[in-house]
Amino acid sequence: MTGLIKVVVRYADGRIFKGYTYDFFPNKATFHLYLAGGQTSGAGTEVNIKDLKCVFFVRDFEGNPGHNEQKQFADDGKYAGRKVEVIFKDGELMTGTTMGYTPNRPGFFLSPVDQMSNNLRVFVVSSVVARVRYL
């Protein structure tokens, strides 16, 4: 199977799974996950967007545990999209940019402010968001 994308799936209940997907689309209610280290053929596990907190599109599955993620925008930085702060219902905070936040959609993409982050971008599920604040 070609076109597999590395993702980390975080459920709203705290469960986390690492794997690959080929059929994630922000306007679809489900996608399939192939767990890292497992088979990448067959049907995969169906994941319902409504059960999630976020889908992280990542560089690799290990990340850099020693990296201290930057949460502030640089004064001289050039960023694509609108700068936002996302506060989740569980109190977690993410900062980044978005090209299209609309509260009544199932979710939106966030590009992390930290260019060295393991997360290339994050699909945030709207139902678990307490507040989005434009910066």
N, C-alpha and C. Protein backbone atom coordinates (compact mmCIF):
# COMPACT_ATOMS: atom_id res chain seq x y z
N MET A 1 0.86 -1.18 0.00
CA MET A 1 0.00 0.00 0.00
C MET A 1 0.90 1.24 0.00
N THR A 2 0.65 2.16 -0.87
CA THR A 2 1.46 3.37 -0.94
C THR A 2 0.70 4.53 -0.32
N GLY A 3 1.42 5.60 -0.02
CA GLY A 3 0.79 6.79 0.51
C GLY A 3 0.46 6.72 1.98
N LEU A 4 1.13 5.82 2.72
CA LEU A 4 0.88 5.75 4.16
C LEU A 4 1.48 6.96 4.86
N ILE A 5 0.73 7.52 5.79
CA ILE A 5 1.14 8.71 6.52
C ILE A 5 1.27 8.34 8.00
N LYS A 6 2.36 8.78 8.65
CA LYS A 6 2.57 8.51 10.07
C LYS A 6 1.68 9.41 10.90
N VAL A 7 0.93 8.77 11.81
CA VAL A 7 0.04 9.53 12.69
C VAL A 7 0.10 8.97 14.11
N VAL A 8 -0.18 9.85 15.06
CA VAL A 8 -0.43 9.46 16.44
C VAL A 8 -1.86 9.89 16.72
N VAL A 9 -2.68 8.93 17.12
CA VAL A 9 -4.10 9.17 17.35
C VAL A 9 -4.32 9.24 18.85
N ARG A 10 -4.85 10.38 19.32
CA ARG A 10 -5.17 10.53 20.74
C ARG A 10 -6.68 10.61 20.89
N TYR A 11 -7.21 9.63 21.62
CA TYR A 11 -8.64 9.59 21.89
C TYR A 11 -9.00 10.58 22.99
N ALA A 12 -10.25 10.99 23.03
CA ALA A 12 -10.72 11.92 24.05
C ALA A 12 -10.60 11.32 25.45
N ASP A 13 -10.63 9.98 25.55
CA ASP A 13 -10.51 9.31 26.86
C ASP A 13 -9.06 9.08 27.29
N GLY A 14 -8.10 9.58 26.48
CA GLY A 14 -6.69 9.49 26.85
C GLY A 14 -5.90 8.40 26.16
N ARG A 15 -6.55 7.44 25.54
CA ARG A 15 -5.82 6.39 24.83
C ARG A 15 -5.02 6.98 23.66
N ILE A 16 -3.85 6.40 23.41
CA ILE A 16 -2.97 6.88 22.32
C ILE A 16 -2.53 5.68 21.50
N PHE A 17 -2.61 5.81 20.18
CA PHE A 17 -2.15 4.77 19.27
C PHE A 17 -1.28 5.41 18.20
N LYS A 18 -0.19 4.71 17.86
CA LYS A 18 0.73 5.17 16.82
C LYS A 18 0.61 4.24 15.63
N GLY A 19 0.58 4.84 14.45
CA GLY A 19 0.46 4.00 13.27
C GLY A 19 0.44 4.81 11.99
N TYR A 20 -0.18 4.20 10.99
CA TYR A 20 -0.22 4.78 9.66
C TYR A 20 -1.66 4.84 9.16
N THR A 21 -1.92 5.83 8.31
CA THR A 21 -3.22 5.92 7.65
C THR A 21 -2.99 6.31 6.20
N TYR A 22 -3.92 5.95 5.38
CA TYR A 22 -3.87 6.36 3.97
C TYR A 22 -5.17 7.06 3.57
N ASP A 23 -6.16 7.05 4.48
CA ASP A 23 -7.47 7.57 4.07
C ASP A 23 -8.06 8.59 5.04
N PHE A 24 -7.20 9.35 5.71
CA PHE A 24 -7.72 10.41 6.58
C PHE A 24 -8.10 11.61 5.73
N PHE A 25 -9.32 12.10 5.92
CA PHE A 25 -9.78 13.33 5.29
C PHE A 25 -10.57 14.10 6.34
N PRO A 26 -10.38 15.40 6.48
CA PRO A 26 -11.04 16.16 7.55
C PRO A 26 -12.56 16.19 7.45
N ASN A 27 -13.11 15.90 6.30
CA ASN A 27 -14.56 15.95 6.14
C ASN A 27 -15.21 14.57 6.24
N LYS A 28 -14.41 13.53 6.54
CA LYS A 28 -14.94 12.18 6.69
C LYS A 28 -15.08 11.83 8.16
N ALA A 29 -16.08 11.03 8.51
CA ALA A 29 -16.34 10.66 9.90
C ALA A 29 -15.41 9.57 10.42
N THR A 30 -14.79 8.81 9.50
CA THR A 30 -13.91 7.72 9.91
C THR A 30 -12.67 7.67 9.02
N PHE A 31 -11.66 6.97 9.52
CA PHE A 31 -10.48 6.62 8.72
C PHE A 31 -9.93 5.32 9.28
N HIS A 32 -8.93 4.77 8.61
CA HIS A 32 -8.36 3.49 9.04
C HIS A 32 -6.94 3.69 9.56
N LEU A 33 -6.63 2.97 10.63
CA LEU A 33 -5.32 3.05 11.27
C LEU A 33 -4.66 1.68 11.23
N TYR A 34 -3.40 1.66 10.80
CA TYR A 34 -2.57 0.47 10.82
C TYR A 34 -1.51 0.71 11.88
N LEU A 35 -1.55 -0.07 12.95
CA LEU A 35 -0.66 0.16 14.08
C LEU A 35 0.80 0.02 13.69
N ALA A 36 1.65 0.89 14.24
CA ALA A 36 3.09 0.84 14.01
C ALA A 36 3.60 -0.53 14.42
N GLY A 37 4.43 -1.12 13.59
CA GLY A 37 4.98 -2.44 13.89
C GLY A 37 4.06 -3.57 13.49
N GLY A 38 2.90 -3.24 12.96
CA GLY A 38 1.94 -4.28 12.56
C GLY A 38 1.78 -4.33 11.06
N GLN A 39 0.74 -4.99 10.62
CA GLN A 39 0.44 -5.13 9.20
C GLN A 39 0.01 -3.78 8.61
N THR A 40 0.40 -3.54 7.39
CA THR A 40 -0.07 -2.34 6.69
C THR A 40 -0.91 -2.75 5.48
N SER A 41 -1.49 -3.92 5.57
CA SER A 41 -2.41 -4.36 4.53
C SER A 41 -3.70 -4.82 5.20
N GLY A 42 -4.69 -5.07 4.41
CA GLY A 42 -5.98 -5.46 4.97
C GLY A 42 -6.80 -4.23 5.32
N ALA A 43 -7.79 -4.42 6.15
CA ALA A 43 -8.74 -3.35 6.44
C ALA A 43 -8.24 -2.32 7.44
N GLY A 44 -7.32 -2.67 8.33
CA GLY A 44 -6.91 -1.74 9.37
C GLY A 44 -8.02 -1.58 10.40
N THR A 45 -7.77 -0.77 11.39
CA THR A 45 -8.77 -0.49 12.43
C THR A 45 -9.51 0.78 12.09
N GLU A 46 -10.83 0.71 12.08
CA GLU A 46 -11.62 1.90 11.78
C GLU A 46 -11.63 2.82 12.99
N VAL A 47 -11.34 4.09 12.76
CA VAL A 47 -11.29 5.10 13.82
C VAL A 47 -12.39 6.13 13.53
N ASN A 48 -13.21 6.39 14.55
CA ASN A 48 -14.26 7.41 14.43
C ASN A 48 -13.74 8.75 14.94
N ILE A 49 -13.82 9.76 14.12
CA ILE A 49 -13.35 11.10 14.49
C ILE A 49 -14.04 11.59 15.76
N LYS A 50 -15.31 11.30 15.93
CA LYS A 50 -16.08 11.80 17.09
C LYS A 50 -15.52 11.29 18.42
N ASP A 51 -14.72 10.22 18.41
CA ASP A 51 -14.15 9.65 19.63
C ASP A 51 -12.78 10.24 19.98
N LEU A 52 -12.25 11.09 19.12
CA LEU A 52 -10.87 11.56 19.25
C LEU A 52 -10.75 12.94 19.88
N LYS A 53 -9.54 13.22 20.31
CA LYS A 53 -9.13 14.57 20.71
C LYS A 53 -8.35 15.18 19.55
N CYS A 54 -7.35 14.45 19.06
CA CYS A 54 -6.50 14.96 17.99
C CYS A 54 -5.92 13.81 17.16
N VAL A 55 -5.56 14.15 15.94
CA VAL A 55 -4.74 13.29 15.11
C VAL A 55 -3.47 14.08 14.82
N PHE A 56 -2.33 13.55 15.27
CA PHE A 56 -1.04 14.20 15.08
C PHE A 56 -0.36 13.59 13.86
N PHE A 57 -0.01 14.42 12.91
CA PHE A 57 0.76 13.99 11.75
C PHE A 57 2.22 14.25 12.11
N VAL A 58 3.01 13.19 12.25
CA VAL A 58 4.31 13.27 12.89
C VAL A 58 5.48 12.95 11.96
N ARG A 59 6.66 13.45 12.36
CA ARG A 59 7.90 13.12 11.65
C ARG A 59 8.28 11.67 11.90
N ASP A 60 8.23 11.28 13.19
CA ASP A 60 8.52 9.89 13.57
C ASP A 60 7.76 9.56 14.84
N PHE A 61 7.75 8.29 15.22
CA PHE A 61 6.96 7.85 16.36
C PHE A 61 7.64 8.08 17.70
N GLU A 62 8.95 8.22 17.71
CA GLU A 62 9.67 8.40 18.97
C GLU A 62 9.68 9.85 19.43
N GLY A 63 9.77 10.78 18.50
CA GLY A 63 9.89 12.19 18.87
C GLY A 63 11.22 12.44 19.55
N ASN A 64 11.32 13.55 20.24
CA ASN A 64 12.52 13.88 20.99
C ASN A 64 12.09 14.24 22.41
N PRO A 65 12.16 13.26 23.33
CA PRO A 65 11.70 13.51 24.69
C PRO A 65 12.42 14.68 25.38
N GLY A 66 13.65 15.00 24.93
CA GLY A 66 14.40 16.09 25.53
C GLY A 66 14.06 17.46 24.97
N HIS A 67 13.25 17.50 23.91
CA HIS A 67 12.90 18.78 23.29
C HIS A 67 11.84 19.50 24.11
N ASN A 68 12.11 20.75 24.44
CA ASN A 68 11.16 21.58 25.19
C ASN A 68 10.36 22.38 24.16
N GLU A 69 9.13 21.99 23.96
CA GLU A 69 8.29 22.58 22.91
C GLU A 69 8.05 24.07 23.13
N GLN A 70 8.34 24.85 22.09
CA GLN A 70 8.12 26.29 22.11
C GLN A 70 6.63 26.56 21.98
N LYS A 71 6.10 27.44 22.82
CA LYS A 71 4.67 27.77 22.81
C LYS A 71 4.40 29.21 22.40
N GLN A 72 5.45 30.01 22.25
CA GLN A 72 5.30 31.43 21.92
C GLN A 72 5.73 31.68 20.48
N PHE A 73 5.07 32.61 19.83
CA PHE A 73 5.45 33.03 18.49
C PHE A 73 6.63 33.98 18.58
N ALA A 74 7.58 33.84 17.68
CA ALA A 74 8.71 34.77 17.61
C ALA A 74 8.21 36.09 17.01
N ASP A 75 8.74 37.20 17.53
CA ASP A 75 8.32 38.51 17.03
C ASP A 75 8.64 38.69 15.55
N ASP A 76 9.76 38.12 15.12
CA ASP A 76 10.19 38.30 13.74
C ASP A 76 9.81 37.13 12.84
N GLY A 77 9.03 36.18 13.36
CA GLY A 77 8.67 35.00 12.58
C GLY A 77 7.60 35.27 11.55
N LYS A 78 7.68 34.57 10.45
CA LYS A 78 6.67 34.65 9.41
C LYS A 78 5.88 33.35 9.48
N TYR A 79 4.57 33.47 9.65
CA TYR A 79 3.73 32.31 9.84
C TYR A 79 2.60 32.33 8.81
N ALA A 80 2.27 31.14 8.31
CA ALA A 80 1.14 31.02 7.37
C ALA A 80 -0.12 30.75 8.17
N GLY A 81 -1.16 31.51 7.91
CA GLY A 81 -2.42 31.31 8.61
C GLY A 81 -2.57 32.24 9.81
N ARG A 82 -3.66 32.04 10.53
CA ARG A 82 -3.95 32.86 11.71
C ARG A 82 -3.36 32.22 12.94
N LYS A 83 -2.76 33.05 13.78
CA LYS A 83 -2.17 32.58 15.04
C LYS A 83 -3.30 32.32 16.03
N VAL A 84 -3.26 31.13 16.65
CA VAL A 84 -4.32 30.76 17.60
C VAL A 84 -3.75 30.04 18.81
N GLU A 85 -4.52 30.12 19.86
CA GLU A 85 -4.27 29.35 21.07
C GLU A 85 -5.52 28.48 21.25
N VAL A 86 -5.31 27.18 21.37
CA VAL A 86 -6.42 26.24 21.55
C VAL A 86 -6.37 25.72 22.97
N ILE A 87 -7.47 25.87 23.68
CA ILE A 87 -7.58 25.33 25.04
C ILE A 87 -8.61 24.22 25.00
N PHE A 88 -8.16 23.03 25.38
CA PHE A 88 -9.02 21.86 25.36
C PHE A 88 -9.83 21.78 26.66
N LYS A 89 -10.89 21.01 26.63
CA LYS A 89 -11.74 20.83 27.81
C LYS A 89 -10.98 20.20 28.97
N ASP A 90 -9.90 19.45 28.67
CA ASP A 90 -9.09 18.84 29.74
C ASP A 90 -8.00 19.77 30.25
N GLY A 91 -7.97 21.02 29.73
CA GLY A 91 -7.01 22.01 30.20
C GLY A 91 -5.74 22.11 29.37
N GLU A 92 -5.49 21.18 28.48
CA GLU A 92 -4.29 21.24 27.64
C GLU A 92 -4.36 22.46 26.74
N LEU A 93 -3.19 23.04 26.45
CA LEU A 93 -3.10 24.23 25.61
C LEU A 93 -2.17 23.94 24.43
N MET A 94 -2.58 24.33 23.24
CA MET A 94 -1.74 24.25 22.04
C MET A 94 -1.74 25.60 21.37
N THR A 95 -0.59 25.98 20.85
CA THR A 95 -0.51 27.21 20.06
C THR A 95 0.02 26.87 18.68
N GLY A 96 -0.46 27.62 17.71
CA GLY A 96 -0.03 27.40 16.34
C GLY A 96 -0.80 28.29 15.40
N THR A 97 -0.84 27.86 14.16
CA THR A 97 -1.58 28.62 13.15
C THR A 97 -2.59 27.70 12.49
N THR A 98 -3.66 28.32 12.01
CA THR A 98 -4.68 27.57 11.29
C THR A 98 -5.10 28.35 10.05
N MET A 99 -5.44 27.62 9.03
CA MET A 99 -5.90 28.24 7.79
C MET A 99 -7.43 28.31 7.74
N GLY A 100 -8.10 27.61 8.64
CA GLY A 100 -9.54 27.60 8.53
C GLY A 100 -10.26 27.04 9.72
N TYR A 101 -10.27 27.75 10.81
CA TYR A 101 -11.04 27.32 11.97
C TYR A 101 -12.48 27.78 11.82
N THR A 102 -13.40 26.84 11.91
CA THR A 102 -14.83 27.12 11.94
C THR A 102 -15.42 26.23 13.02
N PRO A 103 -15.98 26.82 14.09
CA PRO A 103 -16.41 26.04 15.25
C PRO A 103 -17.43 24.95 14.96
N ASN A 104 -18.27 25.12 13.95
CA ASN A 104 -19.33 24.14 13.69
C ASN A 104 -18.87 22.98 12.80
N ARG A 105 -17.61 22.95 12.42
CA ARG A 105 -17.08 21.82 11.66
C ARG A 105 -16.56 20.76 12.62
N PRO A 106 -16.42 19.52 12.18
CA PRO A 106 -15.95 18.46 13.07
C PRO A 106 -14.54 18.71 13.62
N GLY A 107 -13.72 19.46 12.88
CA GLY A 107 -12.37 19.74 13.36
C GLY A 107 -11.65 20.70 12.44
N PHE A 108 -10.38 20.95 12.77
CA PHE A 108 -9.56 21.87 11.98
C PHE A 108 -8.10 21.50 12.15
N PHE A 109 -7.29 21.95 11.19
CA PHE A 109 -5.85 21.70 11.24
C PHE A 109 -5.14 22.83 11.97
N LEU A 110 -4.16 22.45 12.76
CA LEU A 110 -3.31 23.39 13.49
C LEU A 110 -1.87 23.05 13.15
N SER A 111 -1.10 24.05 12.73
CA SER A 111 0.34 23.87 12.53
C SER A 111 1.04 24.40 13.76
N PRO A 112 1.84 23.57 14.44
CA PRO A 112 2.49 24.00 15.68
C PRO A 112 3.39 25.21 15.48
N VAL A 113 3.46 26.06 16.50
CA VAL A 113 4.32 27.23 16.45
C VAL A 113 5.79 26.81 16.42
N ASP A 114 6.12 25.71 17.07
CA ASP A 114 7.50 25.22 17.16
C ASP A 114 7.87 24.47 15.88
N GLN A 115 8.74 25.07 15.08
CA GLN A 115 9.15 24.46 13.82
C GLN A 115 9.97 23.19 14.02
N MET A 116 10.50 22.98 15.22
CA MET A 116 11.29 21.79 15.54
C MET A 116 10.43 20.70 16.19
N SER A 117 9.15 20.93 16.29
CA SER A 117 8.23 19.96 16.89
C SER A 117 8.21 18.68 16.06
N ASN A 118 7.98 17.57 16.71
CA ASN A 118 7.79 16.31 16.00
C ASN A 118 6.47 16.32 15.24
N ASN A 119 5.54 17.16 15.66
CA ASN A 119 4.24 17.27 15.00
C ASN A 119 4.35 18.19 13.79
N LEU A 120 4.05 17.66 12.63
CA LEU A 120 4.04 18.48 11.42
C LEU A 120 2.78 19.34 11.38
N ARG A 121 1.67 18.71 11.73
CA ARG A 121 0.40 19.41 11.91
C ARG A 121 -0.52 18.51 12.71
N VAL A 122 -1.57 19.12 13.22
CA VAL A 122 -2.48 18.42 14.13
C VAL A 122 -3.91 18.68 13.65
N PHE A 123 -4.69 17.60 13.57
CA PHE A 123 -6.12 17.77 13.32
C PHE A 123 -6.78 17.76 14.68
N VAL A 124 -7.38 18.88 15.04
CA VAL A 124 -8.02 19.07 16.34
C VAL A 124 -9.53 18.82 16.18
N VAL A 125 -10.08 17.96 17.00
CA VAL A 125 -11.51 17.66 16.95
C VAL A 125 -12.25 18.73 17.76
N SER A 126 -13.16 19.41 17.11
CA SER A 126 -13.85 20.57 17.71
C SER A 126 -14.62 20.25 18.99
N SER A 127 -15.18 19.06 19.11
CA SER A 127 -16.02 18.74 20.27
C SER A 127 -15.25 18.70 21.59
N VAL A 128 -13.93 18.59 21.55
CA VAL A 128 -13.13 18.55 22.78
C VAL A 128 -12.44 19.88 23.07
N VAL A 129 -12.76 20.90 22.29
CA VAL A 129 -12.16 22.23 22.46
C VAL A 129 -13.04 23.09 23.35
N ALA A 130 -12.43 23.66 24.38
CA ALA A 130 -13.15 24.59 25.26
C ALA A 130 -13.18 25.98 24.65
N ARG A 131 -12.03 26.39 24.06
CA ARG A 131 -11.94 27.75 23.52
C ARG A 131 -10.81 27.86 22.50
N VAL A 132 -11.05 28.65 21.47
CA VAL A 132 -10.01 29.04 20.51
C VAL A 132 -9.89 30.54 20.59
N ARG A 133 -8.67 30.99 20.81
CA ARG A 133 -8.42 32.43 20.93
C ARG A 133 -7.42 32.84 19.85
N TYR A 134 -7.79 33.87 19.08
CA TYR A 134 -6.89 34.41 18.07
C TYR A 134 -5.85 35.28 18.75
N LEU A 135 -4.60 35.12 18.35
CA LEU A 135 -3.50 35.89 18.95
C LEU A 135 -3.07 37.03 18.06
